Each structure stands twice: as C-alpha cells, then as structure tokens.
Amino acid sequence: MLRLFPGPPEEVALAGLCLADALHTLGGAGAPFVYASFVSSLDGRIAVSDAISGDSHLPVEITSGNDFRLFLELQAQADCLVTHGGYLRDLAAGRLDDVLQIGTRATDRDLADWRRENGLSAQPAVVIASASLDFPIPEAIIRGKQRVLVATGRQAPPDRVDALRARGVQVFVAGGGESVEGAPLVRELGRLGFRSVYLLTGPRMLSTMLRDGALSRLYLTIAHRVVGGEGFHTMATGPRLEGAGRLRLSSLHYDAAEPDGAGQWFARFDPLRPA
C-alpha cells in the first residue's frame, strides 16, 4: 500500500496501519477520544436500499478484506463501542453480521493479544444508543461478559427504561428530546471513565457529533466504484452542518488491489475547531 500524505510517498504495510495511531492513548479523564469510520463509493453511497424490502445494506461492490482489517484495528483500540438499536434488530433478524467482539475470527485473534498487551479489557463495553429502546441484546454480548449500557433521550418510554434497569442494564440520558445527542453522550461517557470511543453508528450520530463539536477523528475508506441506485444513504443527515462540517485531511493511503482491482483510498480526517 502507498502512503500519499503526508509525503513523501512511501510503500507501507497494511497490518498495523491504524494501530499506529494509538487511539487508546489519546483520550483523557473525563474527555474521551471519539472516532468514527465509514466506507463510501465515489458517488457517496455508504448504504443502498433494497427495492423490495426497503432494508438498507452496505453495497457489496465497496467491501474488501483490507478495509475490514483496518476496521478491526480501529475496533481493537476502543474501550467502548457505540452502536444503535437498529443494528441490533438487524443482527437478530440475520441481516447483518456481529462485529461487536474482538478476537473471535482468525483475522483478528492477534488483536485480542494486542488489547491485552496494551492494558485494555478483553472486550470493549457496548453502549446502545436508542430512542425507542426496542431492541434485543445479542447472546454473544452476554456470553462475552461485555459491559452493556443504554443511552437514550429524556423522552424515552419510562416502562422500557424500567424494564432494562430491572435486567441490570445501566440506562442514562444523553439528550433532551427523544434521540441521543452528541455532546451529552460524550460527557456521560467521559464521566463513566471511557477514554476511547468508537462509533459504530450511522449518519444521524455522525451529524450530531459534528454539530456538537464532539467528534475527535473520522476515518473514511473511499472505494473507486460508482454504485448509483435511487435509494441510498450518505454519511450525514439532518440540517446543514455549515462550519461544523469542516475537516482537515491528516493522512491518505492508496490500496491499488481492492476492491476487485478498482483500488481505494484510506483517508483520515481531523475536525477543525472554531478559532
């Protein structure tokens, strides 16, 4: 793989590329380092909708083993993963794969060792962001003895809050309305002692994080494919972000082989804070 920026250009190994960022060391007490990642096509598709069912999924044309390896490296550095109720419902229905554990595949067993060597817990905690609180908790999380927390808005259904707490799940408020908001979520995660937080969410969470100035870094894989299609999702949603959407490129690598010989860029961006 070729590092393009910062220069000069240099051939580098894929394995260890994201681990070298040492994300688990960048957060401090009460101020976690919050990062997200997406894979996108050249025409900005991060997901497409099935014409019959309406379900959304990652376009197979932009998936690759190299991108998945870097995803696992990002995941390995988190002491907390933030997911959402929709993912858990899709997981239970068999529409998506479980990606909430480290070291459960041949491709990432070395990362379980890396976590242990770097003083991280065997598995990251899982924070479920949900307005409706209508989701199942996967058996794999229970078997792995992962810490589970639920973030919701102040207007969450009280009966469902009570039901989760009765099961021993910690529920906290991170938003004044129905939905979870970026700044309150990060404040609460910092108060709970988390230092590195990986967002395995979607456009709504990315948007609120940027709008609240709560995102520390964005990783973006851009597959050199044009996907097209009428039903699709892009990285952000909601009102225009204006100045909150400014990001500066901090690294760029070129993988000529994948996906399917088309090539892809691995880009890293740091948000620009107001002066």
C-alpha atoms as a PDB file:
ATOM      1  CA  MET A   1       0.000   0.000   0.000  1.00  0.00           C
ATOM      2  CA  LEU A   2       1.208   3.501  -0.847  1.00  0.00           C
ATOM      3  CA  ARG A   3       1.188   6.355   1.645  1.00  0.00           C
ATOM      4  CA  LEU A   4       0.394   9.523  -0.298  1.00  0.00           C
ATOM      5  CA  PHE A   5       0.029  12.074   2.507  1.00  0.00           C
ATOM      6  CA  PRO A   6       1.881  13.252   4.411  1.00  0.00           C
ATOM      7  CA  GLY A   7       4.685  12.852   1.888  1.00  0.00           C
ATOM      8  CA  PRO A   8       6.990  11.828   0.504  1.00  0.00           C
ATOM      9  CA  PRO A   9       5.129   8.808  -0.966  1.00  0.00           C
ATOM     10  CA  GLU A  10       6.221   5.529   0.596  1.00  0.00           C
ATOM     11  CA  GLU A  11       5.197   1.866   0.462  1.00  0.00           C
ATOM     12  CA  VAL A  12       3.863   0.754   3.858  1.00  0.00           C
ATOM     13  CA  ALA A  13       2.282  -2.381   5.306  1.00  0.00           C
ATOM     14  CA  LEU A  14      -1.474  -2.601   5.735  1.00  0.00           C
ATOM     15  CA  ALA A  15      -1.366  -4.529   9.008  1.00  0.00           C
ATOM     16  CA  GLY A  16      -0.768  -2.158  11.886  1.00  0.00           C
ATOM     17  CA  LEU A  17      -1.654   0.987   9.930  1.00  0.00           C
ATOM     18  CA  CYS A  18      -4.462   2.070  12.271  1.00  0.00           C
ATOM     19  CA  LEU A  19      -2.888   0.562  15.390  1.00  0.00           C
ATOM     20  CA  ALA A  20      -0.013   3.005  14.896  1.00  0.00           C
ATOM     21  CA  ASP A  21      -2.433   5.855  15.679  1.00  0.00           C
ATOM     22  CA  ALA A  22      -2.601   4.640  19.323  1.00  0.00           C
ATOM     23  CA  LEU A  23      -6.150   5.906  19.723  1.00  0.00           C
ATOM     24  CA  HIS A  24      -6.465   4.279  23.144  1.00  0.00           C
ATOM     25  CA  THR A  25      -3.904   6.771  24.482  1.00  0.00           C
ATOM     26  CA  LEU A  26      -5.430   9.982  23.112  1.00  0.00           C
ATOM     27  CA  GLY A  27      -8.386  10.373  25.474  1.00  0.00           C
ATOM     28  CA  GLY A  28      -8.136  11.699  28.989  1.00  0.00           C
ATOM     29  CA  ALA A  29     -10.054  11.503  32.222  1.00  0.00           C
ATOM     30  CA  GLY A  30     -13.485  12.915  31.520  1.00  0.00           C
ATOM     31  CA  ALA A  31     -12.658  13.651  27.868  1.00  0.00           C
ATOM     32  CA  PRO A  32     -12.794  10.527  25.687  1.00  0.00           C
ATOM     33  CA  PHE A  33     -11.320  10.398  22.188  1.00  0.00           C
ATOM     34  CA  VAL A  34     -14.326   9.773  19.913  1.00  0.00           C
ATOM     35  CA  TYR A  35     -13.822   8.397  16.422  1.00  0.00           C
ATOM     36  CA  ALA A  36     -15.963   7.078  13.592  1.00  0.00           C
ATOM     37  CA  SER A  37     -15.371   5.288  10.303  1.00  0.00           C
ATOM     38  CA  PHE A  38     -17.278   4.855   7.063  1.00  0.00           C
ATOM     39  CA  VAL A  39     -16.720   3.165   3.720  1.00  0.00           C
ATOM     40  CA  SER A  40     -18.126   5.031   0.722  1.00  0.00           C
ATOM     41  CA  SER A  41     -18.315   4.762  -3.037  1.00  0.00           C
ATOM     42  CA  LEU A  42     -17.083   7.550  -5.305  1.00  0.00           C
ATOM     43  CA  ASP A  43     -20.676   8.757  -5.613  1.00  0.00           C
ATOM     44  CA  GLY A  44     -21.068   8.955  -1.839  1.00  0.00           C
ATOM     45  CA  ARG A  45     -23.082   5.822  -1.138  1.00  0.00           C
ATOM     46  CA  ILE A  46     -22.499   4.279   2.288  1.00  0.00           C
ATOM     47  CA  ALA A  47     -25.639   2.123   2.055  1.00  0.00           C
ATOM     48  CA  VAL A  48     -28.250   1.274  -0.556  1.00  0.00           C
ATOM     49  CA  SER A  49     -31.887   0.282  -0.118  1.00  0.00           C
ATOM     50  CA  ASP A  50     -33.392  -2.971  -1.326  1.00  0.00           C
ATOM     51  CA  ALA A  51     -36.062  -2.184  -3.927  1.00  0.00           C
ATOM     52  CA  ILE A  52     -38.490  -4.758  -2.490  1.00  0.00           C
ATOM     53  CA  SER A  53     -37.974  -4.834   1.288  1.00  0.00           C
ATOM     54  CA  GLY A  54     -36.657  -1.305   1.718  1.00  0.00           C
ATOM     55  CA  ASP A  55     -33.901  -2.608   4.013  1.00  0.00           C
ATOM     56  CA  SER A  56     -30.552  -0.826   3.770  1.00  0.00           C
ATOM     57  CA  HIS A  57     -27.213  -2.575   3.437  1.00  0.00           C
ATOM     58  CA  LEU A  58     -23.590  -1.856   2.597  1.00  0.00           C
ATOM     59  CA  PRO A  59     -23.064  -2.208  -1.181  1.00  0.00           C
ATOM     60  CA  VAL A  60     -21.072  -5.380  -1.777  1.00  0.00           C
ATOM     61  CA  GLU A  61     -19.127  -3.577  -4.522  1.00  0.00           C
ATOM     62  CA  ILE A  62     -17.321  -1.401  -1.972  1.00  0.00           C
ATOM     63  CA  THR A  63     -16.465  -4.059   0.617  1.00  0.00           C
ATOM     64  CA  SER A  64     -12.977  -5.545   0.894  1.00  0.00           C
ATOM     65  CA  GLY A  65     -10.816  -7.611   3.199  1.00  0.00           C
ATOM     66  CA  ASN A  66      -8.275  -4.816   3.536  1.00  0.00           C
ATOM     67  CA  ASP A  67     -10.895  -2.326   4.682  1.00  0.00           C
ATOM     68  CA  PHE A  68     -12.275  -4.873   7.152  1.00  0.00           C
ATOM     69  CA  ARG A  69      -8.806  -5.399   8.631  1.00  0.00           C
ATOM     70  CA  LEU A  70      -8.476  -1.678   9.301  1.00  0.00           C
ATOM     71  CA  PHE A  71     -11.989  -1.622  10.759  1.00  0.00           C
ATOM     72  CA  LEU A  72     -10.922  -4.349  13.201  1.00  0.00           C
ATOM     73  CA  GLU A  73      -7.804  -2.375  14.135  1.00  0.00           C
ATOM     74  CA  LEU A  74      -9.943   0.653  14.937  1.00  0.00           C
ATOM     75  CA  GLN A  75     -12.280  -1.507  16.977  1.00  0.00           C
ATOM     76  CA  ALA A  76      -9.398  -3.077  18.891  1.00  0.00           C
ATOM     77  CA  GLN A  77      -8.360   0.320  20.276  1.00  0.00           C
ATOM     78  CA  ALA A  78     -11.746   1.165  21.790  1.00  0.00           C
ATOM     79  CA  ASP A  79     -12.708   0.633  25.385  1.00  0.00           C
ATOM     80  CA  CYS A  80     -16.278   1.474  24.354  1.00  0.00           C
ATOM     81  CA  LEU A  81     -18.257   0.740  21.179  1.00  0.00           C
ATOM     82  CA  VAL A  82     -21.370   2.803  20.462  1.00  0.00           C
ATOM     83  CA  THR A  83     -23.984   1.035  18.371  1.00  0.00           C
ATOM     84  CA  HIS A  84     -27.731   1.578  17.927  1.00  0.00           C
ATOM     85  CA  GLY A  85     -30.990  -0.285  18.270  1.00  0.00           C
ATOM     86  CA  GLY A  86     -31.467  -0.651  14.511  1.00  0.00           C
ATOM     87  CA  TYR A  87     -28.225  -2.602  14.185  1.00  0.00           C
ATOM     88  CA  LEU A  88     -29.258  -4.976  16.974  1.00  0.00           C
ATOM     89  CA  ARG A  89     -32.651  -5.565  15.359  1.00  0.00           C
ATOM     90  CA  ASP A  90     -30.988  -6.294  12.000  1.00  0.00           C
ATOM     91  CA  LEU A  91     -28.483  -8.566  13.731  1.00  0.00           C
ATOM     92  CA  ALA A  92     -31.265 -10.553  15.378  1.00  0.00           C
ATOM     93  CA  ALA A  93     -33.048 -10.867  12.003  1.00  0.00           C
ATOM     94  CA  GLY A  94     -29.892 -12.215  10.357  1.00  0.00           C
ATOM     95  CA  ARG A  95     -29.488  -9.250   8.018  1.00  0.00           C
ATOM     96  CA  LEU A  96     -26.101  -8.166   9.422  1.00  0.00           C
ATOM     97  CA  ASP A  97     -23.023  -9.829  10.894  1.00  0.00           C
ATOM     98  CA  ASP A  98     -21.980  -9.451  14.526  1.00  0.00           C
ATOM     99  CA  VAL A  99     -18.971  -7.122  14.780  1.00  0.00           C
ATOM    100  CA  LEU A 100     -19.135  -6.270  18.481  1.00  0.00           C
ATOM    101  CA  GLN A 101     -16.408  -8.641  19.718  1.00  0.00           C
ATOM    102  CA  ILE A 102     -12.620  -8.706  19.286  1.00  0.00           C
ATOM    103  CA  GLY A 103     -10.597 -11.853  18.611  1.00  0.00           C
ATOM    104  CA  THR A 104     -13.455 -14.140  17.588  1.00  0.00           C
ATOM    105  CA  ARG A 105     -12.213 -14.641  13.998  1.00  0.00           C
ATOM    106  CA  ALA A 106      -8.956 -15.943  12.565  1.00  0.00           C
ATOM    107  CA  THR A 107      -8.409 -12.494  11.037  1.00  0.00           C
ATOM    108  CA  ASP A 108      -8.359 -10.668  14.380  1.00  0.00           C
ATOM    109  CA  ARG A 109      -7.000 -13.062  17.013  1.00  0.00           C
ATOM    110  CA  ASP A 110      -3.782 -11.054  17.024  1.00  0.00           C
ATOM    111  CA  LEU A 111      -5.827  -8.003  18.013  1.00  0.00           C
ATOM    112  CA  ALA A 112      -7.090  -9.753  21.152  1.00  0.00           C
ATOM    113  CA  ASP A 113      -3.426 -10.172  22.125  1.00  0.00           C
ATOM    114  CA  TRP A 114      -2.778  -6.522  21.256  1.00  0.00           C
ATOM    115  CA  ARG A 115      -5.558  -5.395  23.606  1.00  0.00           C
ATOM    116  CA  ARG A 116      -4.157  -7.455  26.452  1.00  0.00           C
ATOM    117  CA  GLU A 117      -0.618  -6.183  25.867  1.00  0.00           C
ATOM    118  CA  ASN A 118      -1.865  -2.579  25.867  1.00  0.00           C
ATOM    119  CA  GLY A 119      -3.832  -2.800  29.091  1.00  0.00           C
ATOM    120  CA  LEU A 120      -7.339  -2.880  27.595  1.00  0.00           C
ATOM    121  CA  SER A 121     -10.112  -5.191  28.730  1.00  0.00           C
ATOM    122  CA  ALA A 122     -10.675  -8.433  26.838  1.00  0.00           C
ATOM    123  CA  GLN A 123     -13.747  -6.943  25.175  1.00  0.00           C
ATOM    124  CA  PRO A 124     -14.921  -3.340  24.853  1.00  0.00           C
ATOM    125  CA  ALA A 125     -18.064  -2.167  26.570  1.00  0.00           C
ATOM    126  CA  VAL A 126     -21.119  -1.745  24.329  1.00  0.00           C
ATOM    127  CA  VAL A 127     -23.252   1.390  24.515  1.00  0.00           C
ATOM    128  CA  ILE A 128     -26.592   1.116  22.705  1.00  0.00           C
ATOM    129  CA  ALA A 129     -27.988   4.466  21.569  1.00  0.00           C
ATOM    130  CA  SER A 130     -31.755   4.241  21.136  1.00  0.00           C
ATOM    131  CA  ALA A 131     -34.819   6.460  21.258  1.00  0.00           C
ATOM    132  CA  SER A 132     -37.417   3.674  21.280  1.00  0.00           C
ATOM    133  CA  LEU A 133     -35.486   1.206  23.494  1.00  0.00           C
ATOM    134  CA  ASP A 134     -36.953  -1.522  21.297  1.00  0.00           C
ATOM    135  CA  PHE A 135     -34.091  -3.946  20.632  1.00  0.00           C
ATOM    136  CA  PRO A 136     -32.771  -7.360  21.723  1.00  0.00           C
ATOM    137  CA  ILE A 137     -29.402  -7.727  23.459  1.00  0.00           C
ATOM    138  CA  PRO A 138     -27.351 -10.280  21.464  1.00  0.00           C
ATOM    139  CA  GLU A 139     -26.388 -13.523  23.171  1.00  0.00           C
ATOM    140  CA  ALA A 140     -22.774 -13.006  22.056  1.00  0.00           C
ATOM    141  CA  ILE A 141     -22.559  -9.899  24.236  1.00  0.00           C
ATOM    142  CA  ILE A 142     -23.898 -11.815  27.221  1.00  0.00           C
ATOM    143  CA  ARG A 143     -21.574 -14.791  26.632  1.00  0.00           C
ATOM    144  CA  GLY A 144     -18.604 -12.453  26.241  1.00  0.00           C
ATOM    145  CA  LYS A 145     -19.484 -10.749  29.550  1.00  0.00           C
ATOM    146  CA  GLN A 146     -19.291  -7.365  27.870  1.00  0.00           C
ATOM    147  CA  ARG A 147     -20.474  -4.398  29.877  1.00  0.00           C
ATOM    148  CA  VAL A 148     -23.727  -3.111  28.351  1.00  0.00           C
ATOM    149  CA  LEU A 149     -25.083   0.400  28.768  1.00  0.00           C
ATOM    150  CA  VAL A 150     -28.010   2.125  27.071  1.00  0.00           C
ATOM    151  CA  ALA A 151     -28.103   5.810  26.102  1.00  0.00           C
ATOM    152  CA  THR A 152     -31.431   7.407  25.311  1.00  0.00           C
ATOM    153  CA  GLY A 153     -33.262  10.722  25.254  1.00  0.00           C
ATOM    154  CA  ARG A 154     -35.131  12.291  28.143  1.00  0.00           C
ATOM    155  CA  GLN A 155     -38.457  11.436  26.460  1.00  0.00           C
ATOM    156  CA  ALA A 156     -37.724   7.696  26.279  1.00  0.00           C
ATOM    157  CA  PRO A 157     -40.629   5.346  27.172  1.00  0.00           C
ATOM    158  CA  PRO A 158     -40.471   5.059  31.001  1.00  0.00           C
ATOM    159  CA  ASP A 159     -41.730   1.468  31.031  1.00  0.00           C
ATOM    160  CA  ARG A 160     -38.918   0.340  28.754  1.00  0.00           C
ATOM    161  CA  VAL A 161     -36.344   2.222  30.818  1.00  0.00           C
ATOM    162  CA  ASP A 162     -37.633   0.427  33.921  1.00  0.00           C
ATOM    163  CA  ALA A 163     -37.601  -2.949  32.160  1.00  0.00           C
ATOM    164  CA  LEU A 164     -33.953  -2.556  31.125  1.00  0.00           C
ATOM    165  CA  ARG A 165     -32.899  -1.435  34.588  1.00  0.00           C
ATOM    166  CA  ALA A 166     -34.738  -4.417  36.081  1.00  0.00           C
ATOM    167  CA  ARG A 167     -32.456  -6.624  33.964  1.00  0.00           C
ATOM    168  CA  GLY A 168     -29.406  -4.905  35.422  1.00  0.00           C
ATOM    169  CA  VAL A 169     -28.673  -2.728  32.370  1.00  0.00           C
ATOM    170  CA  GLN A 170     -27.403   0.769  33.102  1.00  0.00           C
ATOM    171  CA  VAL A 171     -29.551   3.359  31.293  1.00  0.00           C
ATOM    172  CA  PHE A 172     -28.552   7.011  31.101  1.00  0.00           C
ATOM    173  CA  VAL A 173     -29.984  10.120  29.471  1.00  0.00           C
ATOM    174  CA  ALA A 174     -27.956  11.762  26.704  1.00  0.00           C
ATOM    175  CA  GLY A 175     -30.360  14.176  25.029  1.00  0.00           C
ATOM    176  CA  GLY A 176     -33.232  16.472  25.899  1.00  0.00           C
ATOM    177  CA  GLY A 177     -35.734  15.004  23.419  1.00  0.00           C
ATOM    178  CA  GLU A 178     -36.293  11.516  22.039  1.00  0.00           C
ATOM    179  CA  SER A 179     -32.897  10.965  20.402  1.00  0.00           C
ATOM    180  CA  VAL A 180     -29.354  10.725  21.712  1.00  0.00           C
ATOM    181  CA  GLU A 181     -27.276  13.875  21.129  1.00  0.00           C
ATOM    182  CA  GLY A 182     -23.536  14.089  20.607  1.00  0.00           C
ATOM    183  CA  ALA A 183     -22.287  16.376  23.359  1.00  0.00           C
ATOM    184  CA  PRO A 184     -24.392  14.893  26.207  1.00  0.00           C
ATOM    185  CA  LEU A 185     -23.387  11.381  25.137  1.00  0.00           C
ATOM    186  CA  VAL A 186     -19.675  12.186  25.171  1.00  0.00           C
ATOM    187  CA  ARG A 187     -19.931  13.985  28.508  1.00  0.00           C
ATOM    188  CA  GLU A 188     -21.612  10.988  30.093  1.00  0.00           C
ATOM    189  CA  LEU A 189     -19.153   8.501  28.592  1.00  0.00           C
ATOM    190  CA  GLY A 190     -16.296  10.592  29.935  1.00  0.00           C
ATOM    191  CA  ARG A 191     -17.917  10.686  33.370  1.00  0.00           C
ATOM    192  CA  LEU A 192     -18.156   6.897  33.245  1.00  0.00           C
ATOM    193  CA  GLY A 193     -14.412   6.673  32.651  1.00  0.00           C
ATOM    194  CA  PHE A 194     -14.257   5.729  28.973  1.00  0.00           C
ATOM    195  CA  ARG A 195     -11.206   7.080  27.122  1.00  0.00           C
ATOM    196  CA  SER A 196     -11.523   5.734  23.560  1.00  0.00           C
ATOM    197  CA  VAL A 197     -14.984   5.578  21.968  1.00  0.00           C
ATOM    198  CA  TYR A 198     -15.619   4.063  18.534  1.00  0.00           C
ATOM    199  CA  LEU A 199     -18.902   4.989  16.859  1.00  0.00           C
ATOM    200  CA  LEU A 200     -20.414   2.009  15.033  1.00  0.00           C
ATOM    201  CA  THR A 201     -23.481   4.007  14.173  1.00  0.00           C
ATOM    202  CA  GLY A 202     -24.613   5.930  11.122  1.00  0.00           C
ATOM    203  CA  PRO A 203     -25.364   9.308   9.556  1.00  0.00           C
ATOM    204  CA  ARG A 204     -27.555  10.625  12.372  1.00  0.00           C
ATOM    205  CA  MET A 205     -24.917  10.038  15.051  1.00  0.00           C
ATOM    206  CA  LEU A 206     -22.114  11.427  12.899  1.00  0.00           C
ATOM    207  CA  SER A 207     -24.171  14.544  12.250  1.00  0.00           C
ATOM    208  CA  THR A 208     -24.941  15.221  15.908  1.00  0.00           C
ATOM    209  CA  MET A 209     -21.312  14.594  16.873  1.00  0.00           C
ATOM    210  CA  LEU A 210     -20.063  17.085  14.292  1.00  0.00           C
ATOM    211  CA  ARG A 211     -22.765  19.613  15.102  1.00  0.00           C
ATOM    212  CA  ASP A 212     -21.853  19.459  18.806  1.00  0.00           C
ATOM    213  CA  GLY A 213     -18.103  19.553  18.175  1.00  0.00           C
ATOM    214  CA  ALA A 214     -17.825  16.155  19.893  1.00  0.00           C
ATOM    215  CA  LEU A 215     -16.048  14.111  17.185  1.00  0.00           C
ATOM    216  CA  SER A 216     -12.281  13.705  17.507  1.00  0.00           C
ATOM    217  CA  ARG A 217     -11.499  11.902  14.230  1.00  0.00           C
ATOM    218  CA  LEU A 218     -13.107  10.460  11.111  1.00  0.00           C
ATOM    219  CA  TYR A 219     -11.734   7.540   9.095  1.00  0.00           C
ATOM    220  CA  LEU A 220     -13.090   7.183   5.575  1.00  0.00           C
ATOM    221  CA  THR A 221     -12.442   4.437   3.030  1.00  0.00           C
ATOM    222  CA  ILE A 222     -13.359   5.575  -0.491  1.00  0.00           C
ATOM    223  CA  ALA A 223     -13.754   2.646  -2.869  1.00  0.00           C
ATOM    224  CA  HIS A 224     -13.126   3.507  -6.505  1.00  0.00           C
ATOM    225  CA  ARG A 225     -16.545   2.377  -7.652  1.00  0.00           C
ATOM    226  CA  VAL A 226     -19.631   4.297  -8.756  1.00  0.00           C
ATOM    227  CA  VAL A 227     -22.647   2.487  -7.305  1.00  0.00           C
ATOM    228  CA  GLY A 228     -25.663   4.520  -8.438  1.00  0.00           C
ATOM    229  CA  GLY A 229     -29.185   3.498  -7.490  1.00  0.00           C
ATOM    230  CA  GLU A 230     -32.178   5.562  -6.427  1.00  0.00           C
ATOM    231  CA  GLY A 231     -32.424   4.549  -2.766  1.00  0.00           C
ATOM    232  CA  PHE A 232     -29.262   5.253  -0.805  1.00  0.00           C
ATOM    233  CA  HIS A 233     -27.732   6.827   2.291  1.00  0.00           C
ATOM    234  CA  THR A 234     -24.802   9.200   2.638  1.00  0.00           C
ATOM    235  CA  MET A 235     -22.615   9.995   5.659  1.00  0.00           C
ATOM    236  CA  ALA A 236     -24.637  12.844   7.149  1.00  0.00           C
ATOM    237  CA  THR A 237     -28.289  13.673   7.636  1.00  0.00           C
ATOM    238  CA  GLY A 238     -30.447  16.443   9.033  1.00  0.00           C
ATOM    239  CA  PRO A 239     -29.856  20.212   8.788  1.00  0.00           C
ATOM    240  CA  ARG A 240     -26.799  21.581   7.018  1.00  0.00           C
ATOM    241  CA  LEU A 241     -23.682  21.392   9.177  1.00  0.00           C
ATOM    242  CA  GLU A 242     -22.208  24.704   7.998  1.00  0.00           C
ATOM    243  CA  GLY A 243     -18.873  25.313   9.782  1.00  0.00           C
ATOM    244  CA  ALA A 244     -19.274  22.232  11.972  1.00  0.00           C
ATOM    245  CA  GLY A 245     -18.633  20.078   8.911  1.00  0.00           C
ATOM    246  CA  ARG A 246     -15.078  21.309   8.294  1.00  0.00           C
ATOM    247  CA  LEU A 247     -12.447  18.571   8.438  1.00  0.00           C
ATOM    248  CA  ARG A 248      -8.760  18.539   7.542  1.00  0.00           C
ATOM    249  CA  LEU A 249      -7.000  15.586   5.898  1.00  0.00           C
ATOM    250  CA  SER A 250      -4.281  14.210   8.167  1.00  0.00           C
ATOM    251  CA  SER A 251      -3.309  11.057   6.244  1.00  0.00           C
ATOM    252  CA  LEU A 252      -4.090   9.343   2.933  1.00  0.00           C
ATOM    253  CA  HIS A 253      -3.109   5.874   1.711  1.00  0.00           C
ATOM    254  CA  TYR A 254      -3.750   4.180  -1.641  1.00  0.00           C
ATOM    255  CA  ASP A 255      -4.584   0.479  -1.950  1.00  0.00           C
ATOM    256  CA  ALA A 256      -4.406  -0.446  -5.652  1.00  0.00           C
ATOM    257  CA  ALA A 257      -5.666  -4.024  -5.294  1.00  0.00           C
ATOM    258  CA  GLU A 258      -9.033  -3.876  -3.567  1.00  0.00           C
ATOM    259  CA  PRO A 259     -11.940  -3.927  -4.002  1.00  0.00           C
ATOM    260  CA  ASP A 260     -11.942  -6.127  -7.096  1.00  0.00           C
ATOM    261  CA  GLY A 261      -8.901  -4.429  -8.611  1.00  0.00           C
ATOM    262  CA  ALA A 262     -10.506  -0.969  -8.672  1.00  0.00           C
ATOM    263  CA  GLY A 263      -8.499   0.431  -5.773  1.00  0.00           C
ATOM    264  CA  GLN A 264      -9.438   2.528  -2.780  1.00  0.00           C
ATOM    265  CA  TRP A 265      -8.217   5.371  -0.599  1.00  0.00           C
ATOM    266  CA  PHE A 266      -7.894   5.183   3.168  1.00  0.00           C
ATOM    267  CA  ALA A 267      -8.297   8.717   4.481  1.00  0.00           C
ATOM    268  CA  ARG A 268      -8.081  10.136   7.989  1.00  0.00           C
ATOM    269  CA  PHE A 269      -9.636  13.481   8.897  1.00  0.00           C
ATOM    270  CA  ASP A 270      -9.497  15.659  11.992  1.00  0.00           C
ATOM    271  CA  PRO A 271     -12.327  18.143  12.579  1.00  0.00           C
ATOM    272  CA  LEU A 272     -11.382  21.824  12.536  1.00  0.00           C
ATOM    273  CA  ARG A 273     -12.445  23.545  15.724  1.00  0.00           C
ATOM    274  CA  PRO A 274     -13.699  27.130  15.689  1.00  0.00           C
ATOM    275  CA  ALA A 275     -10.928  29.682  16.138  1.00  0.00           C
END
